[in-house]
Amino acid sequence: MSNSVDQDMGLFYRRLFPYKSIFHWLNHGPTPEDNFTKREIAFNLPGDVMLRYQSFLDADEFKAQVCKLVPTRFEIGPVYTSRPRDRKTARPGSFNPVARELVFDIDMTDYDPIRTCCSDAQICRKCWKFIAAAVKVLDDAIRQQFGYEHLLWVYSGRRGIHLWISDPEAMALTDEQRKAIVGWLSVVQKDESKRPNIRFGSHPLPASLAPALDELAVMFTEIILEDQDCFGSEKGYEALLRLIPDARIVDALREEWSGANIDSVEKWKNFKAQIKTHKKDSATRAHLTAAMEDIILQYTYPRLDENVSKKRNHLLKAPFCVHPKTGRVCVPVDPKRISEFDPERVPTVSQLIDELDADTNMETEHHSDWERTSLKEYVNMLDAHNQRIMNQARNTRRGTANLSW
């Protein structure tokens, strides 16, 4: 990092980073417990150096080390059987991960095969709608199908979003159980030419996906047909044709579209018109209707980085870290307002420091200087989330105590 960036990061960590909130979130309580003291924190230092297996007794010790090291970012790992910093003195084979939030990572680059507005690290309001659709569908699916309640969505600082699930049942999941959940929630195959692997023979769409399809069918029109015009080019419509399991319809549509100036909205209407040429109750029409539903899911369903979720010992960037390329803070996001979220309006470190400089009352350092900056709404969001987690933990302890009588 340059001196100016290094100074800005030092000031950010000293005066703006919400250590107490992060401590409460990881710890599930106001006083230090195993969830925090046996938790791995890994620091990324300048020069691509990673300092792993750090652990701390409380929020103050954590802050002191962050301010000393001034990492480019830091990542959160699992809770271990013993404190990570003491792992070398642990009995051989006894140092193992025992708990960890169930996490998911959705990255915009996984949508590169279908998005037309941007590519690679670029992002705009149009392609952010892919992320918004993913958040809506995944948030609903996880709450309804697994019953989890403590979901924290966090903007990655550049082109994606992370989900942290802190329910005790989610924290306790084994690697095999995590793998099974990710498999259940994964629909889109890596090979774009293949239809989603979600049906068994000619069976209907699984009941777990029906609510998602209803919502995504509406988003499909706006995102895929109108905003992205995914089938406008020859490459785009050929990708669509590969997913249609009827050679006669494929040939007819290719002939109609070849060399013609027809947008995606009209092409989709052409496809649906071809389906309607078959009798309403015929097996062929049912098969083609299923293919149409699968195409909607292929283009709009959440694209998960499965490896992030499968293992407890996977590291993931902490909320309120700073993305080194954009300078934006990785802030929590309200899933109910995800469509309103604009990545370009997320505060940057330099913006926050300017806000500090502009406030004449901020000359004296305070542990919650973030309260007088645009970071406040995001920290408040995390604190409200933490309160729900701690309330549940307290109620669980009370229930256990009552049972002991």
Protein backbone atom coordinates (compact mmCIF):
# COMPACT_ATOMS: atom_id res chain seq x y z
CA MET A 1 0.00 0.00 0.00
CA SER A 2 1.13 3.59 -0.63
CA ASN A 3 1.78 5.80 2.39
CA SER A 4 -1.48 7.72 1.93
CA VAL A 5 -3.53 4.53 1.59
CA ASP A 6 -1.69 3.02 4.55
CA GLN A 7 -2.48 6.11 6.64
CA ASP A 8 -6.13 6.05 5.61
CA MET A 9 -6.42 2.37 6.52
CA GLY A 10 -4.70 2.99 9.84
CA LEU A 11 -7.20 5.76 10.63
CA PHE A 12 -10.10 3.61 9.49
CA TYR A 13 -9.10 0.74 11.77
CA ARG A 14 -8.36 3.03 14.69
CA ARG A 15 -11.49 5.15 14.62
CA LEU A 16 -14.13 3.68 12.33
CA PHE A 17 -14.08 -0.11 12.32
CA PRO A 18 -16.93 -1.45 14.54
CA TYR A 19 -14.98 -3.95 16.66
CA LYS A 20 -17.64 -4.30 19.34
CA SER A 21 -20.33 -5.11 16.75
CA ILE A 22 -18.13 -7.71 15.01
CA PHE A 23 -17.30 -9.23 18.41
CA HIS A 24 -20.99 -9.54 19.36
CA TRP A 25 -21.80 -11.04 15.97
CA LEU A 26 -19.13 -13.75 16.18
CA ASN A 27 -19.45 -14.35 19.91
CA HIS A 28 -23.27 -14.58 20.21
CA GLY A 29 -23.08 -12.83 23.58
CA PRO A 30 -21.77 -9.74 25.41
CA THR A 31 -18.92 -11.51 27.28
CA PRO A 32 -16.18 -13.57 25.58
CA GLU A 33 -17.04 -17.20 24.89
CA ASP A 34 -15.62 -20.00 22.75
CA ASN A 35 -17.40 -18.68 19.66
CA PHE A 36 -14.95 -15.78 19.71
CA THR A 37 -11.91 -16.86 21.74
CA LYS A 38 -11.45 -20.10 19.76
CA ARG A 39 -12.23 -18.47 16.41
CA GLU A 40 -9.63 -18.17 13.66
CA ILE A 41 -8.99 -14.71 12.26
CA ALA A 42 -6.60 -14.57 9.30
CA PHE A 43 -4.93 -11.29 8.32
CA ASN A 44 -3.99 -10.36 4.76
CA LEU A 45 -0.95 -8.11 4.90
CA PRO A 46 0.70 -5.97 2.19
CA GLY A 47 2.79 -8.03 -0.22
CA ASP A 48 0.27 -10.90 -0.39
CA VAL A 49 1.29 -12.18 3.03
CA MET A 50 -1.35 -14.10 5.00
CA LEU A 51 -1.09 -14.46 8.76
CA ARG A 52 -3.33 -17.36 9.77
CA TYR A 53 -4.59 -18.90 13.02
CA GLN A 54 -4.84 -15.66 14.96
CA SER A 55 -7.26 -15.61 17.90
CA PHE A 56 -8.16 -13.14 20.62
CA LEU A 57 -9.53 -13.06 24.15
CA ASP A 58 -11.79 -10.06 23.62
CA ALA A 59 -12.65 -7.16 21.31
CA ASP A 60 -9.95 -4.88 22.75
CA GLU A 61 -7.17 -7.38 22.08
CA PHE A 62 -8.57 -7.89 18.60
CA LYS A 63 -8.56 -4.13 17.92
CA ALA A 64 -5.03 -3.70 19.23
CA GLN A 65 -3.67 -6.31 16.81
CA VAL A 66 -5.60 -4.94 13.82
CA CYS A 67 -4.35 -1.42 14.49
CA LYS A 68 -0.81 -2.73 14.87
CA LEU A 69 -0.80 -4.77 11.65
CA VAL A 70 -3.06 -2.54 9.47
CA PRO A 71 -4.05 -5.48 7.24
CA THR A 72 -5.37 -4.97 3.72
CA ARG A 73 -8.28 -7.10 4.92
CA PHE A 74 -8.93 -9.97 7.29
CA GLU A 75 -10.90 -13.15 6.97
CA ILE A 76 -12.99 -15.19 9.39
CA GLY A 77 -12.66 -18.92 9.85
CA PRO A 78 -14.24 -21.53 12.12
CA VAL A 79 -14.38 -22.05 15.86
CA TYR A 80 -11.82 -24.73 16.82
CA THR A 81 -11.52 -27.20 19.67
CA SER A 82 -8.84 -24.95 21.18
CA ARG A 83 -7.56 -21.45 20.57
CA PRO A 84 -5.94 -21.24 17.14
CA ARG A 85 -2.95 -19.32 18.48
CA ASP A 86 -2.26 -22.25 20.84
CA ARG A 87 -2.68 -24.96 18.20
CA LYS A 88 1.01 -25.97 18.28
CA THR A 89 0.69 -27.04 21.88
CA ALA A 90 -2.51 -29.03 21.26
CA ARG A 91 -2.41 -32.81 21.38
CA PRO A 92 -1.73 -34.26 17.90
CA GLY A 93 -4.99 -34.67 15.99
CA SER A 94 -7.04 -32.74 18.56
CA PHE A 95 -7.08 -29.33 16.84
CA ASN A 96 -10.19 -29.43 14.64
CA PRO A 97 -12.98 -27.07 13.49
CA VAL A 98 -16.20 -27.59 15.46
CA ALA A 99 -18.47 -24.73 14.42
CA ARG A 100 -18.82 -22.10 11.75
CA GLU A 101 -21.50 -20.00 10.12
CA LEU A 102 -23.04 -21.53 7.02
CA VAL A 103 -21.77 -19.19 4.31
CA PHE A 104 -22.58 -18.55 0.66
CA ASP A 105 -20.79 -16.47 -1.96
CA ILE A 106 -22.40 -15.09 -5.12
CA ASP A 107 -19.97 -13.44 -7.54
CA MET A 108 -20.96 -11.45 -10.62
CA THR A 109 -18.26 -13.09 -12.75
CA ASP A 110 -20.29 -16.33 -12.65
CA TYR A 111 -22.90 -14.46 -14.70
CA ASP A 112 -20.39 -13.46 -17.40
CA PRO A 113 -21.63 -16.14 -19.84
CA ILE A 114 -25.05 -14.44 -19.94
CA ARG A 115 -24.70 -10.78 -18.95
CA THR A 116 -24.13 -8.35 -21.83
CA CYS A 117 -23.75 -4.99 -20.09
CA CYS A 118 -20.43 -5.66 -18.30
CA SER A 119 -17.76 -8.32 -17.87
CA ASP A 120 -15.04 -9.40 -15.45
CA ALA A 121 -14.74 -6.94 -12.53
CA GLN A 122 -17.12 -4.37 -13.98
CA ILE A 123 -20.55 -3.91 -12.46
CA CYS A 124 -23.51 -1.61 -13.09
CA ARG A 125 -27.09 -1.19 -11.91
CA LYS A 126 -28.34 -3.45 -14.71
CA CYS A 127 -26.23 -6.46 -13.88
CA TRP A 128 -26.61 -5.91 -10.13
CA LYS A 129 -30.18 -7.13 -10.73
CA PHE A 130 -28.73 -10.64 -11.11
CA ILE A 131 -27.42 -10.36 -7.55
CA ALA A 132 -30.71 -8.87 -6.34
CA ALA A 133 -32.64 -11.78 -7.84
CA ALA A 134 -30.25 -14.26 -6.25
CA VAL A 135 -30.61 -12.66 -2.81
CA LYS A 136 -34.42 -12.68 -2.95
CA VAL A 137 -34.61 -16.32 -4.03
CA LEU A 138 -31.91 -17.66 -1.74
CA ASP A 139 -33.10 -15.72 1.32
CA ASP A 140 -36.64 -17.05 0.89
CA ALA A 141 -35.50 -20.62 0.16
CA ILE A 142 -33.22 -20.83 3.19
CA ARG A 143 -35.78 -19.38 5.60
CA GLN A 144 -38.66 -21.50 4.32
CA GLN A 145 -36.93 -24.79 3.58
CA PHE A 146 -34.40 -24.92 6.43
CA GLY A 147 -36.00 -22.65 9.02
CA TYR A 148 -32.89 -20.55 9.57
CA GLU A 149 -33.53 -17.01 10.84
CA HIS A 150 -30.19 -15.27 11.43
CA LEU A 151 -29.12 -14.44 7.87
CA LEU A 152 -26.62 -11.62 7.34
CA TRP A 153 -26.09 -10.44 3.75
CA VAL A 154 -22.87 -8.50 3.17
CA TYR A 155 -21.77 -6.67 0.01
CA SER A 156 -18.32 -7.93 -0.97
CA GLY A 157 -17.01 -4.46 -1.79
CA ARG A 158 -16.76 -4.98 -5.52
CA ARG A 159 -18.93 -7.34 -7.57
CA GLY A 160 -20.64 -9.82 -5.29
CA ILE A 161 -22.36 -10.60 -2.03
CA HIS A 162 -21.81 -12.96 0.90
CA LEU A 163 -24.33 -14.63 3.17
CA TRP A 164 -23.54 -15.61 6.77
CA ILE A 165 -26.05 -17.79 8.67
CA SER A 166 -25.55 -17.78 12.44
CA ASP A 167 -28.35 -20.05 13.71
CA PRO A 168 -26.93 -22.60 16.19
CA GLU A 169 -28.12 -25.45 13.95
CA ALA A 170 -26.30 -23.91 10.98
CA MET A 171 -23.14 -23.32 13.03
CA ALA A 172 -23.06 -27.01 14.00
CA LEU A 173 -23.40 -28.46 10.49
CA THR A 174 -20.73 -30.95 9.43
CA ASP A 175 -18.90 -30.62 6.11
CA GLU A 176 -21.07 -33.39 4.63
CA GLN A 177 -24.25 -31.65 5.73
CA ARG A 178 -23.04 -28.35 4.26
CA LYS A 179 -22.23 -30.09 1.00
CA ALA A 180 -25.74 -31.58 0.92
CA ILE A 181 -27.39 -28.19 1.50
CA VAL A 182 -25.32 -26.56 -1.25
CA GLY A 183 -26.20 -29.40 -3.60
CA TRP A 184 -29.89 -28.97 -2.80
CA LEU A 185 -29.74 -25.22 -3.49
CA SER A 186 -27.61 -25.46 -6.66
CA VAL A 187 -29.52 -25.52 -9.94
CA VAL A 188 -27.37 -24.00 -12.69
CA GLN A 189 -24.73 -26.32 -14.15
CA LYS A 190 -21.24 -25.15 -15.02
CA ASP A 191 -21.78 -26.20 -18.64
CA GLU A 192 -24.06 -23.48 -20.01
CA SER A 193 -25.22 -25.72 -22.87
CA LYS A 194 -26.87 -28.16 -20.46
CA ARG A 195 -30.31 -27.70 -18.97
CA PRO A 196 -30.49 -27.48 -15.16
CA ASN A 197 -30.30 -30.92 -13.57
CA ILE A 198 -33.42 -30.56 -11.42
CA ARG A 199 -36.01 -32.96 -12.86
CA PHE A 200 -36.20 -36.71 -12.62
CA GLY A 201 -37.17 -37.91 -16.07
CA SER A 202 -40.47 -36.33 -17.02
CA HIS A 203 -41.37 -35.40 -13.44
CA PRO A 204 -42.61 -31.86 -12.72
CA LEU A 205 -40.49 -29.17 -11.13
CA PRO A 206 -39.63 -29.99 -7.50
CA ALA A 207 -41.96 -28.27 -5.03
CA SER A 208 -38.97 -26.51 -3.45
CA LEU A 209 -38.33 -24.61 -6.70
CA ALA A 210 -41.91 -23.67 -7.57
CA PRO A 211 -41.97 -20.44 -5.48
CA ALA A 212 -38.62 -19.38 -6.96
CA LEU A 213 -39.85 -19.97 -10.51
CA ASP A 214 -42.92 -17.78 -9.99
CA GLU A 215 -40.72 -14.88 -8.87
CA LEU A 216 -37.94 -15.46 -11.38
CA ALA A 217 -40.35 -15.63 -14.33
CA VAL A 218 -41.16 -11.95 -13.72
CA MET A 219 -37.48 -11.05 -13.27
CA PHE A 220 -36.59 -12.99 -16.42
CA THR A 221 -38.56 -10.56 -18.57
CA GLU A 222 -36.94 -7.49 -17.03
CA ILE A 223 -33.37 -8.73 -16.65
CA ILE A 224 -32.80 -11.26 -19.43
CA LEU A 225 -35.13 -10.07 -22.18
CA GLU A 226 -35.20 -6.29 -21.69
CA ASP A 227 -32.07 -5.13 -19.82
CA GLN A 228 -29.54 -7.67 -21.07
CA ASP A 229 -31.22 -8.63 -24.39
CA CYS A 230 -29.44 -11.96 -23.94
CA PHE A 231 -30.84 -13.49 -27.14
CA GLY A 232 -30.34 -10.43 -29.35
CA SER A 233 -27.10 -11.60 -30.93
CA GLU A 234 -26.55 -14.80 -32.93
CA LYS A 235 -24.35 -16.15 -30.12
CA GLY A 236 -27.07 -15.35 -27.62
CA TYR A 237 -29.94 -17.00 -29.47
CA GLU A 238 -27.84 -20.03 -30.39
CA ALA A 239 -27.26 -20.54 -26.66
CA LEU A 240 -31.02 -20.47 -26.18
CA LEU A 241 -31.67 -22.87 -29.05
CA ARG A 242 -29.28 -25.43 -27.51
CA LEU A 243 -31.60 -25.62 -24.51
CA ILE A 244 -34.75 -26.35 -26.54
CA PRO A 245 -35.32 -30.15 -26.81
CA ASP A 246 -37.22 -30.15 -30.11
CA ALA A 247 -35.25 -30.15 -33.37
CA ARG A 248 -38.24 -28.98 -35.44
CA ILE A 249 -38.80 -25.91 -33.27
CA VAL A 250 -35.07 -25.19 -33.17
CA ASP A 251 -34.83 -25.25 -36.97
CA ALA A 252 -37.94 -23.08 -37.36
CA LEU A 253 -36.73 -20.46 -34.89
CA ARG A 254 -33.21 -20.38 -36.30
CA GLU A 255 -34.59 -19.77 -39.78
CA GLU A 256 -36.88 -17.01 -38.48
CA TRP A 257 -34.14 -15.27 -36.50
CA SER A 258 -31.17 -15.64 -38.85
CA GLY A 259 -30.20 -12.24 -40.20
CA ALA A 260 -33.30 -10.58 -38.75
CA ASN A 261 -33.27 -7.61 -36.38
CA ILE A 262 -35.40 -9.14 -33.61
CA ASP A 263 -34.87 -8.43 -29.94
CA SER A 264 -35.04 -10.94 -27.09
CA VAL A 265 -38.59 -10.03 -26.08
CA GLU A 266 -39.89 -10.96 -29.54
CA LYS A 267 -37.74 -14.07 -29.75
CA TRP A 268 -39.13 -15.34 -26.46
CA LYS A 269 -42.65 -14.71 -27.79
CA ASN A 270 -41.72 -16.70 -30.90
CA PHE A 271 -40.58 -19.61 -28.74
CA LYS A 272 -43.78 -19.58 -26.67
CA ALA A 273 -45.85 -19.41 -29.87
CA GLN A 274 -44.12 -22.56 -31.12
CA ILE A 275 -44.98 -24.36 -27.87
CA LYS A 276 -48.64 -23.42 -28.30
CA THR A 277 -48.79 -25.14 -31.69
CA HIS A 278 -48.96 -28.42 -29.77
CA LYS A 279 -52.18 -29.59 -28.14
CA LYS A 280 -52.69 -28.29 -24.62
CA ASP A 281 -52.68 -31.66 -22.87
CA SER A 282 -50.07 -33.33 -25.06
CA ALA A 283 -46.87 -34.81 -23.70
CA THR A 284 -44.85 -32.74 -26.21
CA ARG A 285 -46.32 -29.49 -24.95
CA ALA A 286 -45.70 -30.49 -21.34
CA HIS A 287 -42.09 -31.37 -22.22
CA LEU A 288 -41.52 -28.02 -23.95
CA THR A 289 -43.18 -26.07 -21.14
CA ALA A 290 -40.82 -27.78 -18.71
CA ALA A 291 -37.90 -26.78 -20.94
CA MET A 292 -39.10 -23.17 -20.92
CA GLU A 293 -39.22 -23.21 -17.10
CA ASP A 294 -35.73 -24.69 -16.98
CA ILE A 295 -34.42 -21.95 -19.26
CA ILE A 296 -35.84 -19.28 -16.94
CA LEU A 297 -34.04 -20.93 -14.03
CA GLN A 298 -30.85 -21.35 -16.05
CA TYR A 299 -30.65 -17.61 -16.68
CA THR A 300 -31.90 -16.20 -13.38
CA TYR A 301 -31.40 -18.70 -10.53
CA PRO A 302 -28.60 -17.91 -8.01
CA ARG A 303 -25.16 -19.03 -9.15
CA LEU A 304 -23.31 -20.22 -6.06
CA ASP A 305 -19.59 -20.61 -5.52
CA GLU A 306 -20.12 -24.05 -4.02
CA ASN A 307 -16.59 -24.49 -2.62
CA VAL A 308 -17.04 -21.54 -0.26
CA SER A 309 -19.95 -23.25 1.50
CA LYS A 310 -18.88 -26.89 1.74
CA LYS A 311 -16.18 -26.83 4.42
CA ARG A 312 -16.14 -25.34 7.90
CA ASN A 313 -12.49 -24.32 7.64
CA HIS A 314 -13.02 -22.10 4.59
CA LEU A 315 -12.02 -18.47 5.18
CA LEU A 316 -14.29 -15.62 4.12
CA LYS A 317 -13.68 -11.88 4.19
CA ALA A 318 -15.10 -10.19 7.27
CA PRO A 319 -17.90 -7.60 7.14
CA PHE A 320 -16.67 -3.99 7.28
CA CYS A 321 -13.34 -4.83 5.71
CA VAL A 322 -12.28 -2.64 2.80
CA HIS A 323 -11.98 -3.92 -0.74
CA PRO A 324 -8.43 -3.01 -1.84
CA LYS A 325 -9.38 -2.34 -5.48
CA THR A 326 -12.46 -0.14 -4.93
CA GLY A 327 -11.86 1.25 -1.44
CA ARG A 328 -15.48 0.41 -0.60
CA VAL A 329 -16.43 -0.98 2.77
CA CYS A 330 -18.03 -4.43 2.85
CA VAL A 331 -21.34 -3.37 4.38
CA PRO A 332 -24.45 -5.35 5.40
CA VAL A 333 -27.38 -5.28 3.00
CA ASP A 334 -31.09 -5.52 3.78
CA PRO A 335 -32.45 -8.38 1.63
CA LYS A 336 -35.90 -6.78 1.62
CA ARG A 337 -34.42 -3.68 -0.05
CA ILE A 338 -31.83 -5.40 -2.21
CA SER A 339 -33.30 -3.99 -5.43
CA GLU A 340 -32.67 -0.45 -4.12
CA PHE A 341 -29.06 -1.18 -3.18
CA ASP A 342 -26.48 0.61 -5.32
CA PRO A 343 -22.85 -0.59 -4.98
CA GLU A 344 -21.56 2.76 -6.21
CA ARG A 345 -23.16 4.52 -3.24
CA VAL A 346 -21.41 2.36 -0.65
CA PRO A 347 -19.04 4.50 1.43
CA THR A 348 -15.33 4.34 0.71
CA VAL A 349 -12.53 4.79 3.22
CA SER A 350 -11.55 8.18 1.78
CA GLN A 351 -15.18 9.37 1.92
CA LEU A 352 -15.50 8.31 5.57
CA ILE A 353 -12.27 10.07 6.50
CA ASP A 354 -13.48 13.23 4.75
CA GLU A 355 -16.66 12.99 6.84
CA LEU A 356 -14.53 12.77 9.97
CA ASP A 357 -12.46 15.78 8.92
CA ALA A 358 -15.59 17.80 8.17
CA ASP A 359 -17.03 17.22 11.65
CA THR A 360 -15.51 19.76 14.03
CA ASN A 361 -16.67 17.66 16.99
CA MET A 362 -14.56 14.74 15.90
CA GLU A 363 -11.10 16.07 16.77
CA THR A 364 -10.98 13.81 19.83
CA GLU A 365 -10.92 10.11 19.02
CA HIS A 366 -13.78 7.96 20.25
CA HIS A 367 -14.41 4.21 19.97
CA SER A 368 -17.65 4.83 18.02
CA ASP A 369 -16.60 7.61 15.64
CA TRP A 370 -18.48 5.71 12.94
CA GLU A 371 -21.73 7.05 14.45
CA ARG A 372 -21.15 10.43 12.81
CA THR A 373 -20.38 9.07 9.36
CA SER A 374 -22.36 7.35 6.63
CA LEU A 375 -21.18 4.04 8.12
CA LYS A 376 -23.73 4.42 10.93
CA GLU A 377 -26.74 2.90 9.14
CA TYR A 378 -24.75 -0.21 8.28
CA VAL A 379 -23.36 -0.72 11.77
CA ASN A 380 -26.86 -0.25 13.17
CA MET A 381 -28.05 -2.95 10.80
CA LEU A 382 -25.42 -5.37 12.13
CA ASP A 383 -26.22 -4.43 15.73
CA ALA A 384 -29.93 -5.18 15.19
CA HIS A 385 -28.95 -8.55 13.69
CA ASN A 386 -26.66 -9.23 16.65
CA GLN A 387 -29.40 -8.44 19.14
CA ARG A 388 -31.62 -11.11 17.61
CA ILE A 389 -28.79 -13.65 17.79
CA MET A 390 -27.98 -12.80 21.42
CA ASN A 391 -31.65 -12.87 22.42
CA GLN A 392 -31.96 -16.39 21.05
CA ALA A 393 -28.75 -17.50 22.77
CA ARG A 394 -29.97 -16.05 26.08
CA ASN A 395 -33.37 -17.72 25.75
CA THR A 396 -31.69 -21.04 24.95
CA ARG A 397 -29.51 -20.79 28.06
CA ARG A 398 -32.57 -19.98 30.19
CA GLY A 399 -34.45 -22.94 28.77
CA THR A 400 -31.53 -25.25 29.49
CA ALA A 401 -31.29 -23.91 33.04
CA ASN A 402 -35.00 -24.51 33.61
CA LEU A 403 -34.73 -28.07 32.35
CA SER A 404 -31.96 -28.76 34.85
CA TRP A 405 -34.46 -28.26 37.67
